[in-house]
Amino acid sequence: FGFMARVALAAEAMGHHPEWSNVWSTVVIDLTTHDTGGLSNLDKELA
C-alpha cells in the first residue's frame, strides 16, 4: 500500500494514471494511454 501511495502521487503529478490492482502483498500495474490508443511516452516515463 505504501508503494501504491508513492505511485499514486507520481501519477497524479503527471496527470497519467495506471490500471492496477492489489491483492494483499502483490501490486499489478498495466500502463497504456487511452488518448493515443496504445503506448506513449507517458507510459514509459511513469514506468
PDB file of all heavy atoms in Angstrom:
ATOM      1  N   PHE A   1       0.825  -1.204   0.000  1.00  0.00           N
ATOM      2  CA  PHE A   1       0.000   0.000   0.000  1.00  0.00           C
ATOM      3  C   PHE A   1       0.863   1.259   0.000  1.00  0.00           C
ATOM      4  O   PHE A   1       0.542   2.245  -0.669  1.00  0.00           O
ATOM      5  CB  PHE A   1      -0.952  -0.005   1.198  1.00  0.00           C
ATOM      6  CG  PHE A   1      -2.032   1.021   1.085  1.00  0.00           C
ATOM      7  CD1 PHE A   1      -3.170   0.766   0.354  1.00  0.00           C
ATOM      8  CD2 PHE A   1      -1.902   2.257   1.700  1.00  0.00           C
ATOM      9  CE1 PHE A   1      -4.174   1.727   0.230  1.00  0.00           C
ATOM     10  CE2 PHE A   1      -2.885   3.217   1.581  1.00  0.00           C
ATOM     11  CZ  PHE A   1      -4.029   2.949   0.846  1.00  0.00           C
ATOM     12  N   GLY A   2       1.973   1.251   0.728  1.00  0.00           N
ATOM     13  CA  GLY A   2       2.887   2.383   0.714  1.00  0.00           C
ATOM     14  C   GLY A   2       3.446   2.628  -0.675  1.00  0.00           C
ATOM     15  O   GLY A   2       3.553   3.773  -1.134  1.00  0.00           O
ATOM     16  N   PHE A   3       3.800   1.549  -1.371  1.00  0.00           N
ATOM     17  CA  PHE A   3       4.271   1.643  -2.748  1.00  0.00           C
ATOM     18  C   PHE A   3       3.188   2.256  -3.634  1.00  0.00           C
ATOM     19  O   PHE A   3       3.457   3.159  -4.433  1.00  0.00           O
ATOM     20  CB  PHE A   3       4.659   0.247  -3.239  1.00  0.00           C
ATOM     21  CG  PHE A   3       4.931   0.154  -4.711  1.00  0.00           C
ATOM     22  CD1 PHE A   3       6.115   0.614  -5.249  1.00  0.00           C
ATOM     23  CD2 PHE A   3       3.995  -0.426  -5.564  1.00  0.00           C
ATOM     24  CE1 PHE A   3       6.373   0.508  -6.619  1.00  0.00           C
ATOM     25  CE2 PHE A   3       4.242  -0.544  -6.918  1.00  0.00           C
ATOM     26  CZ  PHE A   3       5.433  -0.076  -7.446  1.00  0.00           C
ATOM     27  N   MET A   4       1.954   1.791  -3.469  1.00  0.00           N
ATOM     28  CA  MET A   4       0.853   2.323  -4.271  1.00  0.00           C
ATOM     29  C   MET A   4       0.643   3.813  -4.006  1.00  0.00           C
ATOM     30  O   MET A   4       0.345   4.570  -4.936  1.00  0.00           O
ATOM     31  CB  MET A   4      -0.434   1.543  -4.006  1.00  0.00           C
ATOM     32  CG  MET A   4      -0.393   0.125  -4.537  1.00  0.00           C
ATOM     33  SD  MET A   4      -1.915  -0.797  -4.231  1.00  0.00           S
ATOM     34  CE  MET A   4      -2.984  -0.068  -5.466  1.00  0.00           C
ATOM     35  N   ALA A   5       0.820   4.238  -2.776  1.00  0.00           N
ATOM     36  CA  ALA A   5       0.668   5.662  -2.454  1.00  0.00           C
ATOM     37  C   ALA A   5       1.731   6.484  -3.183  1.00  0.00           C
ATOM     38  O   ALA A   5       1.423   7.556  -3.728  1.00  0.00           O
ATOM     39  CB  ALA A   5       0.758   5.875  -0.945  1.00  0.00           C
ATOM     40  N   ARG A   6       2.974   5.994  -3.215  1.00  0.00           N
ATOM     41  CA  ARG A   6       4.040   6.718  -3.924  1.00  0.00           C
ATOM     42  C   ARG A   6       3.738   6.777  -5.422  1.00  0.00           C
ATOM     43  O   ARG A   6       3.908   7.820  -6.066  1.00  0.00           O
ATOM     44  CB  ARG A   6       5.393   6.060  -3.654  1.00  0.00           C
ATOM     45  CG  ARG A   6       5.869   6.268  -2.226  1.00  0.00           C
ATOM     46  CD  ARG A   6       7.290   5.780  -1.984  1.00  0.00           C
ATOM     47  NE  ARG A   6       7.482   4.358  -2.211  1.00  0.00           N
ATOM     48  CZ  ARG A   6       7.190   3.393  -1.338  1.00  0.00           C
ATOM     49  NH1 ARG A   6       6.685   3.703  -0.156  1.00  0.00           N
ATOM     50  NH2 ARG A   6       7.408   2.133  -1.643  1.00  0.00           N
ATOM     51  N   VAL A   7       3.267   5.654  -5.980  1.00  0.00           N
ATOM     52  CA  VAL A   7       2.913   5.623  -7.399  1.00  0.00           C
ATOM     53  C   VAL A   7       1.759   6.590  -7.673  1.00  0.00           C
ATOM     54  O   VAL A   7       1.778   7.327  -8.667  1.00  0.00           O
ATOM     55  CB  VAL A   7       2.542   4.195  -7.855  1.00  0.00           C
ATOM     56  CG1 VAL A   7       1.966   4.201  -9.264  1.00  0.00           C
ATOM     57  CG2 VAL A   7       3.763   3.278  -7.770  1.00  0.00           C
ATOM     58  N   ALA A   8       0.771   6.603  -6.795  1.00  0.00           N
ATOM     59  CA  ALA A   8      -0.387   7.486  -6.986  1.00  0.00           C
ATOM     60  C   ALA A   8       0.032   8.947  -7.040  1.00  0.00           C
ATOM     61  O   ALA A   8      -0.471   9.710  -7.876  1.00  0.00           O
ATOM     62  CB  ALA A   8      -1.406   7.265  -5.870  1.00  0.00           C
ATOM     63  N   LEU A   9       0.942   9.346  -6.181  1.00  0.00           N
ATOM     64  CA  LEU A   9       1.403  10.740  -6.170  1.00  0.00           C
ATOM     65  C   LEU A   9       2.155  11.078  -7.457  1.00  0.00           C
ATOM     66  O   LEU A   9       1.958  12.155  -8.037  1.00  0.00           O
ATOM     67  CB  LEU A   9       2.265  11.013  -4.943  1.00  0.00           C
ATOM     68  CG  LEU A   9       1.518  10.965  -3.610  1.00  0.00           C
ATOM     69  CD1 LEU A   9       2.503  11.058  -2.447  1.00  0.00           C
ATOM     70  CD2 LEU A   9       0.474  12.069  -3.529  1.00  0.00           C
ATOM     71  N   ALA A  10       3.007  10.174  -7.914  1.00  0.00           N
ATOM     72  CA  ALA A  10       3.740  10.410  -9.166  1.00  0.00           C
ATOM     73  C   ALA A  10       2.781  10.465 -10.352  1.00  0.00           C
ATOM     74  O   ALA A  10       2.900  11.337 -11.227  1.00  0.00           O
ATOM     75  CB  ALA A  10       4.782   9.311  -9.376  1.00  0.00           C
ATOM     76  N   ALA A  11       1.812   9.546 -10.375  1.00  0.00           N
ATOM     77  CA  ALA A  11       0.841   9.504 -11.474  1.00  0.00           C
ATOM     78  C   ALA A  11       0.001  10.777 -11.507  1.00  0.00           C
ATOM     79  O   ALA A  11      -0.241  11.349 -12.577  1.00  0.00           O
ATOM     80  CB  ALA A  11      -0.051   8.271 -11.334  1.00  0.00           C
ATOM     81  N   GLU A  12      -0.424  11.219 -10.344  1.00  0.00           N
ATOM     82  CA  GLU A  12      -1.240  12.434 -10.276  1.00  0.00           C
ATOM     83  C   GLU A  12      -0.441  13.644 -10.740  1.00  0.00           C
ATOM     84  O   GLU A  12      -0.958  14.502 -11.464  1.00  0.00           O
ATOM     85  CB  GLU A  12      -1.763  12.632  -8.847  1.00  0.00           C
ATOM     86  CG  GLU A  12      -2.732  13.768  -8.710  1.00  0.00           C
ATOM     87  CD  GLU A  12      -4.047  13.564  -9.456  1.00  0.00           C
ATOM     88  OE1 GLU A  12      -4.379  12.438  -9.867  1.00  0.00           O
ATOM     89  OE2 GLU A  12      -4.757  14.583  -9.639  1.00  0.00           O
ATOM     90  N   ALA A  13       0.829  13.716 -10.358  1.00  0.00           N
ATOM     91  CA  ALA A  13       1.677  14.830 -10.781  1.00  0.00           C
ATOM     92  C   ALA A  13       1.845  14.855 -12.301  1.00  0.00           C
ATOM     93  O   ALA A  13       1.946  15.930 -12.896  1.00  0.00           O
ATOM     94  CB  ALA A  13       3.043  14.739 -10.101  1.00  0.00           C
ATOM     95  N   MET A  14       1.864  13.679 -12.915  1.00  0.00           N
ATOM     96  CA  MET A  14       1.985  13.588 -14.375  1.00  0.00           C
ATOM     97  C   MET A  14       0.643  13.735 -15.078  1.00  0.00           C
ATOM     98  O   MET A  14       0.602  13.952 -16.286  1.00  0.00           O
ATOM     99  CB  MET A  14       2.568  12.223 -14.771  1.00  0.00           C
ATOM    100  CG  MET A  14       4.016  12.028 -14.457  1.00  0.00           C
ATOM    101  SD  MET A  14       4.582  10.380 -14.986  1.00  0.00           S
ATOM    102  CE  MET A  14       4.378  10.492 -16.771  1.00  0.00           C
ATOM    103  N   GLY A  15      -0.462  13.547 -14.345  1.00  0.00           N
ATOM    104  CA  GLY A  15      -1.772  13.527 -14.980  1.00  0.00           C
ATOM    105  C   GLY A  15      -1.945  12.285 -15.841  1.00  0.00           C
ATOM    106  O   GLY A  15      -2.640  12.294 -16.854  1.00  0.00           O
ATOM    107  N   HIS A  16      -1.282  11.190 -15.424  1.00  0.00           N
ATOM    108  CA  HIS A  16      -1.306   9.944 -16.185  1.00  0.00           C
ATOM    109  C   HIS A  16      -1.426   8.794 -15.190  1.00  0.00           C
ATOM    110  O   HIS A  16      -0.532   8.591 -14.374  1.00  0.00           O
ATOM    111  CB  HIS A  16      -0.034   9.811 -17.017  1.00  0.00           C
ATOM    112  CG  HIS A  16      -0.059   8.663 -17.977  1.00  0.00           C
ATOM    113  ND1 HIS A  16      -0.964   8.598 -19.008  1.00  0.00           N
ATOM    114  CD2 HIS A  16       0.703   7.553 -18.049  1.00  0.00           C
ATOM    115  CE1 HIS A  16      -0.744   7.479 -19.681  1.00  0.00           C
ATOM    116  NE2 HIS A  16       0.253   6.833 -19.119  1.00  0.00           N
ATOM    117  N   HIS A  17      -2.509   8.062 -15.240  1.00  0.00           N
ATOM    118  CA  HIS A  17      -2.842   7.130 -14.174  1.00  0.00           C
ATOM    119  C   HIS A  17      -2.817   5.674 -14.638  1.00  0.00           C
ATOM    120  O   HIS A  17      -3.255   5.376 -15.748  1.00  0.00           O
ATOM    121  CB  HIS A  17      -4.216   7.489 -13.606  1.00  0.00           C
ATOM    122  CG  HIS A  17      -4.253   8.914 -13.156  1.00  0.00           C
ATOM    123  ND1 HIS A  17      -4.671   9.932 -13.985  1.00  0.00           N
ATOM    124  CD2 HIS A  17      -3.859   9.501 -12.007  1.00  0.00           C
ATOM    125  CE1 HIS A  17      -4.555  11.085 -13.339  1.00  0.00           C
ATOM    126  NE2 HIS A  17      -4.060  10.846 -12.137  1.00  0.00           N
ATOM    127  N   PRO A  18      -2.326   4.782 -13.771  1.00  0.00           N
ATOM    128  CA  PRO A  18      -2.214   3.376 -14.147  1.00  0.00           C
ATOM    129  C   PRO A  18      -3.527   2.618 -14.028  1.00  0.00           C
ATOM    130  O   PRO A  18      -4.437   3.022 -13.315  1.00  0.00           O
ATOM    131  CB  PRO A  18      -1.212   2.829 -13.121  1.00  0.00           C
ATOM    132  CG  PRO A  18      -1.452   3.671 -11.903  1.00  0.00           C
ATOM    133  CD  PRO A  18      -1.777   5.044 -12.432  1.00  0.00           C
ATOM    134  N   GLU A  19      -3.575   1.505 -14.721  1.00  0.00           N
ATOM    135  CA  GLU A  19      -4.579   0.480 -14.456  1.00  0.00           C
ATOM    136  C   GLU A  19      -3.860  -0.456 -13.496  1.00  0.00           C
ATOM    137  O   GLU A  19      -2.765  -0.940 -13.802  1.00  0.00           O
ATOM    138  CB  GLU A  19      -4.939  -0.272 -15.738  1.00  0.00           C
ATOM    139  CG  GLU A  19      -5.588   0.590 -16.789  1.00  0.00           C
ATOM    140  CD  GLU A  19      -5.846  -0.162 -18.095  1.00  0.00           C
ATOM    141  OE1 GLU A  19      -5.582  -1.390 -18.168  1.00  0.00           O
ATOM    142  OE2 GLU A  19      -6.270   0.487 -19.053  1.00  0.00           O
ATOM    143  N   TRP A  20      -4.445  -0.679 -12.326  1.00  0.00           N
ATOM    144  CA  TRP A  20      -3.727  -1.507 -11.367  1.00  0.00           C
ATOM    145  C   TRP A  20      -4.652  -2.248 -10.441  1.00  0.00           C
ATOM    146  O   TRP A  20      -5.834  -1.954 -10.350  1.00  0.00           O
ATOM    147  CB  TRP A  20      -2.707  -0.701 -10.594  1.00  0.00           C
ATOM    148  CG  TRP A  20      -3.209   0.496  -9.801  1.00  0.00           C
ATOM    149  CD1 TRP A  20      -4.488   0.969  -9.695  1.00  0.00           C
ATOM    150  CD2 TRP A  20      -2.413   1.364  -9.011  1.00  0.00           C
ATOM    151  NE1 TRP A  20      -4.510   2.083  -8.886  1.00  0.00           N
ATOM    152  CE2 TRP A  20      -3.251   2.350  -8.448  1.00  0.00           C
ATOM    153  CE3 TRP A  20      -1.069   1.413  -8.716  1.00  0.00           C
ATOM    154  CZ2 TRP A  20      -2.795   3.355  -7.613  1.00  0.00           C
ATOM    155  CZ3 TRP A  20      -0.615   2.427  -7.885  1.00  0.00           C
ATOM    156  CH2 TRP A  20      -1.475   3.382  -7.353  1.00  0.00           C
ATOM    157  N   SER A  21      -4.057  -3.248  -9.773  1.00  0.00           N
ATOM    158  CA  SER A  21      -4.802  -3.998  -8.775  1.00  0.00           C
ATOM    159  C   SER A  21      -3.853  -4.355  -7.644  1.00  0.00           C
ATOM    160  O   SER A  21      -2.627  -4.373  -7.813  1.00  0.00           O
ATOM    161  CB  SER A  21      -5.406  -5.270  -9.377  1.00  0.00           C
ATOM    162  OG  SER A  21      -4.383  -6.157  -9.784  1.00  0.00           O
ATOM    163  N   ASN A  22      -4.454  -4.620  -6.492  1.00  0.00           N
ATOM    164  CA  ASN A  22      -3.691  -5.007  -5.314  1.00  0.00           C
ATOM    165  C   ASN A  22      -4.419  -6.145  -4.617  1.00  0.00           C
ATOM    166  O   ASN A  22      -5.610  -6.046  -4.350  1.00  0.00           O
ATOM    167  CB  ASN A  22      -3.546  -3.810  -4.368  1.00  0.00           C
ATOM    168  CG  ASN A  22      -3.088  -4.208  -2.986  1.00  0.00           C
ATOM    169  OD1 ASN A  22      -3.827  -4.029  -2.027  1.00  0.00           O
ATOM    170  ND2 ASN A  22      -1.899  -4.754  -2.865  1.00  0.00           N
ATOM    171  N   VAL A  23      -3.687  -7.215  -4.353  1.00  0.00           N
ATOM    172  CA  VAL A  23      -4.183  -8.296  -3.522  1.00  0.00           C
ATOM    173  C   VAL A  23      -3.101  -8.557  -2.487  1.00  0.00           C
ATOM    174  O   VAL A  23      -1.997  -8.994  -2.838  1.00  0.00           O
ATOM    175  CB  VAL A  23      -4.477  -9.581  -4.337  1.00  0.00           C
ATOM    176  CG1 VAL A  23      -4.916 -10.708  -3.414  1.00  0.00           C
ATOM    177  CG2 VAL A  23      -5.541  -9.309  -5.388  1.00  0.00           C
ATOM    178  N   TRP A  24      -3.379  -8.215  -1.275  1.00  0.00           N
ATOM    179  CA  TRP A  24      -2.514  -8.297  -0.114  1.00  0.00           C
ATOM    180  C   TRP A  24      -1.129  -7.731  -0.409  1.00  0.00           C
ATOM    181  O   TRP A  24      -0.955  -6.527  -0.355  1.00  0.00           O
ATOM    182  CB  TRP A  24      -2.455  -9.726   0.454  1.00  0.00           C
ATOM    183  CG  TRP A  24      -1.819  -9.745   1.812  1.00  0.00           C
ATOM    184  CD1 TRP A  24      -2.276  -9.107   2.931  1.00  0.00           C
ATOM    185  CD2 TRP A  24      -0.603 -10.372   2.188  1.00  0.00           C
ATOM    186  NE1 TRP A  24      -1.425  -9.309   3.990  1.00  0.00           N
ATOM    187  CE2 TRP A  24      -0.372 -10.098   3.552  1.00  0.00           C
ATOM    188  CE3 TRP A  24       0.322 -11.146   1.513  1.00  0.00           C
ATOM    189  CZ2 TRP A  24       0.728 -10.563   4.246  1.00  0.00           C
ATOM    190  CZ3 TRP A  24       1.409 -11.622   2.210  1.00  0.00           C
ATOM    191  CH2 TRP A  24       1.604 -11.328   3.559  1.00  0.00           C
ATOM    192  N   SER A  25      -0.138  -8.551  -0.748  1.00  0.00           N
ATOM    193  CA  SER A  25       1.228  -8.060  -0.913  1.00  0.00           C
ATOM    194  C   SER A  25       1.650  -7.938  -2.377  1.00  0.00           C
ATOM    195  O   SER A  25       2.810  -7.684  -2.666  1.00  0.00           O
ATOM    196  CB  SER A  25       2.207  -8.987  -0.183  1.00  0.00           C
ATOM    197  OG  SER A  25       2.182 -10.276  -0.762  1.00  0.00           O
ATOM    198  N   THR A  26       0.712  -8.101  -3.285  1.00  0.00           N
ATOM    199  CA  THR A  26       1.026  -8.044  -4.713  1.00  0.00           C
ATOM    200  C   THR A  26       0.302  -6.871  -5.369  1.00  0.00           C
ATOM    201  O   THR A  26      -0.896  -6.685  -5.172  1.00  0.00           O
ATOM    202  CB  THR A  26       0.613  -9.360  -5.407  1.00  0.00           C
ATOM    203  OG1 THR A  26       1.295 -10.440  -4.776  1.00  0.00           O
ATOM    204  CG2 THR A  26       0.947  -9.335  -6.883  1.00  0.00           C
ATOM    205  N   VAL A  27       1.058  -6.110  -6.143  1.00  0.00           N
ATOM    206  CA  VAL A  27       0.502  -5.000  -6.922  1.00  0.00           C
ATOM    207  C   VAL A  27       0.801  -5.294  -8.388  1.00  0.00           C
ATOM    208  O   VAL A  27       1.939  -5.580  -8.754  1.00  0.00           O
ATOM    209  CB  VAL A  27       1.141  -3.646  -6.521  1.00  0.00           C
ATOM    210  CG1 VAL A  27       0.612  -2.525  -7.405  1.00  0.00           C
ATOM    211  CG2 VAL A  27       0.892  -3.355  -5.049  1.00  0.00           C
ATOM    212  N   VAL A  28      -0.231  -5.252  -9.224  1.00  0.00           N
ATOM    213  CA  VAL A  28      -0.080  -5.462 -10.658  1.00  0.00           C
ATOM    214  C   VAL A  28      -0.417  -4.148 -11.351  1.00  0.00           C
ATOM    215  O   VAL A  28      -1.468  -3.549 -11.085  1.00  0.00           O
ATOM    216  CB  VAL A  28      -1.001  -6.596 -11.168  1.00  0.00           C
ATOM    217  CG1 VAL A  28      -0.884  -6.745 -12.680  1.00  0.00           C
ATOM    218  CG2 VAL A  28      -0.668  -7.900 -10.458  1.00  0.00           C
ATOM    219  N   ILE A  29       0.488  -3.711 -12.226  1.00  0.00           N
ATOM    220  CA  ILE A  29       0.304  -2.435 -12.922  1.00  0.00           C
ATOM    221  C   ILE A  29       0.348  -2.670 -14.426  1.00  0.00           C
ATOM    222  O   ILE A  29       1.241  -3.343 -14.939  1.00  0.00           O
ATOM    223  CB  ILE A  29       1.392  -1.419 -12.525  1.00  0.00           C
ATOM    224  CG1 ILE A  29       1.302  -1.109 -11.025  1.00  0.00           C
ATOM    225  CG2 ILE A  29       1.268  -0.139 -13.358  1.00  0.00           C
ATOM    226  CD1 ILE A  29       2.363  -0.148 -10.523  1.00  0.00           C
ATOM    227  N   ASP A  30      -0.616  -2.082 -15.130  1.00  0.00           N
ATOM    228  CA  ASP A  30      -0.638  -2.026 -16.584  1.00  0.00           C
ATOM    229  C   ASP A  30      -0.725  -0.563 -16.979  1.00  0.00           C
ATOM    230  O   ASP A  30      -1.542   0.184 -16.437  1.00  0.00           O
ATOM    231  CB  ASP A  30      -1.837  -2.791 -17.145  1.00  0.00           C
ATOM    232  CG  ASP A  30      -1.685  -4.285 -16.989  1.00  0.00           C
ATOM    233  OD1 ASP A  30      -0.706  -4.827 -17.541  1.00  0.00           O
ATOM    234  OD2 ASP A  30      -2.516  -4.904 -16.308  1.00  0.00           O
ATOM    235  N   LEU A  31       0.119  -0.187 -17.923  1.00  0.00           N
ATOM    236  CA  LEU A  31       0.127   1.193 -18.397  1.00  0.00           C
ATOM    237  C   LEU A  31      -0.212   1.231 -19.881  1.00  0.00           C
ATOM    238  O   LEU A  31       0.300   0.442 -20.674  1.00  0.00           O
ATOM    239  CB  LEU A  31       1.513   1.821 -18.179  1.00  0.00           C
ATOM    240  CG  LEU A  31       2.013   1.867 -16.742  1.00  0.00           C
ATOM    241  CD1 LEU A  31       3.453   2.363 -16.692  1.00  0.00           C
ATOM    242  CD2 LEU A  31       1.114   2.729 -15.883  1.00  0.00           C
ATOM    243  N   THR A  32      -1.080   2.150 -20.232  1.00  0.00           N
ATOM    244  CA  THR A  32      -1.432   2.420 -21.614  1.00  0.00           C
ATOM    245  C   THR A  32      -1.976   3.842 -21.665  1.00  0.00           C
ATOM    246  O   THR A  32      -2.344   4.408 -20.635  1.00  0.00           O
ATOM    247  CB  THR A  32      -2.471   1.409 -22.151  1.00  0.00           C
ATOM    248  OG1 THR A  32      -2.630   1.601 -23.557  1.00  0.00           O
ATOM    249  CG2 THR A  32      -3.808   1.529 -21.460  1.00  0.00           C
ATOM    250  N   THR A  33      -1.998   4.420 -22.837  1.00  0.00           N
ATOM    251  CA  THR A  33      -2.517   5.780 -22.997  1.00  0.00           C
ATOM    252  C   THR A  33      -3.760   5.718 -23.870  1.00  0.00           C
ATOM    253  O   THR A  33      -3.671   5.521 -25.082  1.00  0.00           O
ATOM    254  CB  THR A  33      -1.444   6.702 -23.616  1.00  0.00           C
ATOM    255  OG1 THR A  33      -0.272   6.650 -22.803  1.00  0.00           O
ATOM    256  CG2 THR A  33      -1.944   8.142 -23.700  1.00  0.00           C
ATOM    257  N   HIS A  34      -4.908   5.837 -23.240  1.00  0.00           N
ATOM    258  CA  HIS A  34      -6.172   5.716 -23.963  1.00  0.00           C
ATOM    259  C   HIS A  34      -6.312   6.789 -25.040  1.00  0.00           C
ATOM    260  O   HIS A  34      -6.857   6.517 -26.111  1.00  0.00           O
ATOM    261  CB  HIS A  34      -7.344   5.747 -22.986  1.00  0.00           C
ATOM    262  CG  HIS A  34      -7.300   4.623 -22.009  1.00  0.00           C
ATOM    263  ND1 HIS A  34      -7.639   3.323 -22.338  1.00  0.00           N
ATOM    264  CD2 HIS A  34      -6.905   4.574 -20.709  1.00  0.00           C
ATOM    265  CE1 HIS A  34      -7.483   2.536 -21.297  1.00  0.00           C
ATOM    266  NE2 HIS A  34      -7.035   3.269 -20.290  1.00  0.00           N
ATOM    267  N   ASP A  35      -5.783   7.986 -24.781  1.00  0.00           N
ATOM    268  CA  ASP A  35      -5.892   9.078 -25.757  1.00  0.00           C
ATOM    269  C   ASP A  35      -5.168   8.778 -27.068  1.00  0.00           C
ATOM    270  O   ASP A  35      -5.547   9.295 -28.113  1.00  0.00           O
ATOM    271  CB  ASP A  35      -5.341  10.386 -25.187  1.00  0.00           C
ATOM    272  CG  ASP A  35      -6.202  10.951 -24.071  1.00  0.00           C
ATOM    273  OD1 ASP A  35      -7.361  10.504 -23.910  1.00  0.00           O
ATOM    274  OD2 ASP A  35      -5.711  11.831 -23.346  1.00  0.00           O
ATOM    275  N   THR A  36      -4.099   7.970 -26.997  1.00  0.00           N
ATOM    276  CA  THR A  36      -3.345   7.644 -28.210  1.00  0.00           C
ATOM    277  C   THR A  36      -3.675   6.253 -28.739  1.00  0.00           C
ATOM    278  O   THR A  36      -3.160   5.852 -29.771  1.00  0.00           O
ATOM    279  CB  THR A  36      -1.825   7.742 -27.979  1.00  0.00           C
ATOM    280  OG1 THR A  36      -1.430   6.738 -27.040  1.00  0.00           O
ATOM    281  CG2 THR A  36      -1.413   9.125 -27.507  1.00  0.00           C
ATOM    282  N   GLY A  37      -4.480   5.511 -28.000  1.00  0.00           N
ATOM    283  CA  GLY A  37      -4.858   4.176 -28.438  1.00  0.00           C
ATOM    284  C   GLY A  37      -3.750   3.142 -28.296  1.00  0.00           C
ATOM    285  O   GLY A  37      -3.751   2.129 -28.982  1.00  0.00           O
ATOM    286  N   GLY A  38      -2.804   3.390 -27.403  1.00  0.00           N
ATOM    287  CA  GLY A  38      -1.702   2.439 -27.202  1.00  0.00           C
ATOM    288  C   GLY A  38      -0.664   3.018 -26.268  1.00  0.00           C
ATOM    289  O   GLY A  38      -0.960   3.887 -25.441  1.00  0.00           O
ATOM    290  N   LEU A  39       0.549   2.561 -26.423  1.00  0.00           N
ATOM    291  CA  LEU A  39       1.636   3.013 -25.550  1.00  0.00           C
ATOM    292  C   LEU A  39       2.188   4.360 -26.010  1.00  0.00           C
ATOM    293  O   LEU A  39       2.291   4.627 -27.201  1.00  0.00           O
ATOM    294  CB  LEU A  39       2.744   1.968 -25.520  1.00  0.00           C
ATOM    295  CG  LEU A  39       2.359   0.669 -24.827  1.00  0.00           C
ATOM    296  CD1 LEU A  39       3.395  -0.411 -25.066  1.00  0.00           C
ATOM    297  CD2 LEU A  39       2.147   0.906 -23.342  1.00  0.00           C
ATOM    298  N   SER A  40       2.531   5.177 -25.016  1.00  0.00           N
ATOM    299  CA  SER A  40       3.064   6.509 -25.316  1.00  0.00           C
ATOM    300  C   SER A  40       4.269   6.801 -24.436  1.00  0.00           C
ATOM    301  O   SER A  40       4.614   6.024 -23.533  1.00  0.00           O
ATOM    302  CB  SER A  40       1.994   7.580 -25.085  1.00  0.00           C
ATOM    303  OG  SER A  40       1.861   7.856 -23.697  1.00  0.00           O
ATOM    304  N   ASN A  41       4.859   7.949 -24.683  1.00  0.00           N
ATOM    305  CA  ASN A  41       5.973   8.429 -23.871  1.00  0.00           C
ATOM    306  C   ASN A  41       5.579   8.553 -22.402  1.00  0.00           C
ATOM    307  O   ASN A  41       6.419   8.362 -21.515  1.00  0.00           O
ATOM    308  CB  ASN A  41       6.481   9.772 -24.402  1.00  0.00           C
ATOM    309  CG  ASN A  41       5.407  10.854 -24.395  1.00  0.00           C
ATOM    310  OD1 ASN A  41       4.255  10.611 -24.787  1.00  0.00           O
ATOM    311  ND2 ASN A  41       5.759  12.047 -23.967  1.00  0.00           N
ATOM    312  N   LEU A  42       4.319   8.817 -22.113  1.00  0.00           N
ATOM    313  CA  LEU A  42       3.867   8.938 -20.728  1.00  0.00           C
ATOM    314  C   LEU A  42       3.936   7.596 -20.005  1.00  0.00           C
ATOM    315  O   LEU A  42       4.285   7.542 -18.823  1.00  0.00           O
ATOM    316  CB  LEU A  42       2.443   9.495 -20.676  1.00  0.00           C
ATOM    317  CG  LEU A  42       2.256  10.911 -21.206  1.00  0.00           C
ATOM    318  CD1 LEU A  42       0.787  11.322 -21.108  1.00  0.00           C
ATOM    319  CD2 LEU A  42       3.155  11.897 -20.486  1.00  0.00           C
ATOM    320  N   ASP A  43       3.625   6.522 -20.706  1.00  0.00           N
ATOM    321  CA  ASP A  43       3.715   5.190 -20.100  1.00  0.00           C
ATOM    322  C   ASP A  43       5.161   4.862 -19.767  1.00  0.00           C
ATOM    323  O   ASP A  43       5.461   4.367 -18.678  1.00  0.00           O
ATOM    324  CB  ASP A  43       3.126   4.133 -21.040  1.00  0.00           C
ATOM    325  CG  ASP A  43       1.677   4.427 -21.367  1.00  0.00           C
ATOM    326  OD1 ASP A  43       0.881   4.601 -20.432  1.00  0.00           O
ATOM    327  OD2 ASP A  43       1.358   4.508 -22.563  1.00  0.00           O
ATOM    328  N   LYS A  44       6.054   5.139 -20.694  1.00  0.00           N
ATOM    329  CA  LYS A  44       7.482   4.881 -20.462  1.00  0.00           C
ATOM    330  C   LYS A  44       7.992   5.718 -19.298  1.00  0.00           C
ATOM    331  O   LYS A  44       8.712   5.219 -18.431  1.00  0.00           O
ATOM    332  CB  LYS A  44       8.283   5.161 -21.733  1.00  0.00           C
ATOM    333  CG  LYS A  44       9.744   4.803 -21.591  1.00  0.00           C
ATOM    334  CD  LYS A  44      10.494   4.994 -22.892  1.00  0.00           C
ATOM    335  CE  LYS A  44      11.962   4.638 -22.706  1.00  0.00           C
ATOM    336  NZ  LYS A  44      12.723   4.816 -23.947  1.00  0.00           N
ATOM    337  N   GLU A  45       7.626   6.980 -19.258  1.00  0.00           N
ATOM    338  CA  GLU A  45       8.060   7.873 -18.178  1.00  0.00           C
ATOM    339  C   GLU A  45       7.528   7.418 -16.821  1.00  0.00           C
ATOM    340  O   GLU A  45       8.271   7.356 -15.840  1.00  0.00           O
ATOM    341  CB  GLU A  45       7.594   9.302 -18.467  1.00  0.00           C
ATOM    342  CG  GLU A  45       7.834  10.290 -17.339  1.00  0.00           C
ATOM    343  CD  GLU A  45       9.290  10.638 -17.114  1.00  0.00           C
ATOM    344  OE1 GLU A  45      10.099  10.459 -18.048  1.00  0.00           O
ATOM    345  OE2 GLU A  45       9.628  11.092 -16.002  1.00  0.00           O
ATOM    346  N   LEU A  46       6.246   7.077 -16.754  1.00  0.00           N
ATOM    347  CA  LEU A  46       5.674   6.638 -15.484  1.00  0.00           C
ATOM    348  C   LEU A  46       6.293   5.316 -15.033  1.00  0.00           C
ATOM    349  O   LEU A  46       6.613   5.151 -13.854  1.00  0.00           O
ATOM    350  CB  LEU A  46       4.150   6.520 -15.574  1.00  0.00           C
ATOM    351  CG  LEU A  46       3.430   6.136 -14.284  1.00  0.00           C
ATOM    352  CD1 LEU A  46       3.789   7.075 -13.127  1.00  0.00           C
ATOM    353  CD2 LEU A  46       1.922   6.116 -14.504  1.00  0.00           C
ATOM    354  N   ALA A  47       6.512   4.387 -15.952  1.00  0.00           N
ATOM    355  CA  ALA A  47       7.157   3.115 -15.592  1.00  0.00           C
ATOM    356  C   ALA A  47       8.550   3.373 -15.019  1.00  0.00           C
ATOM    357  O   ALA A  47       8.949   2.744 -14.029  1.00  0.00           O
ATOM    358  CB  ALA A  47       7.234   2.193 -16.797  1.00  0.00           C
TER     359      ALA A  47
END
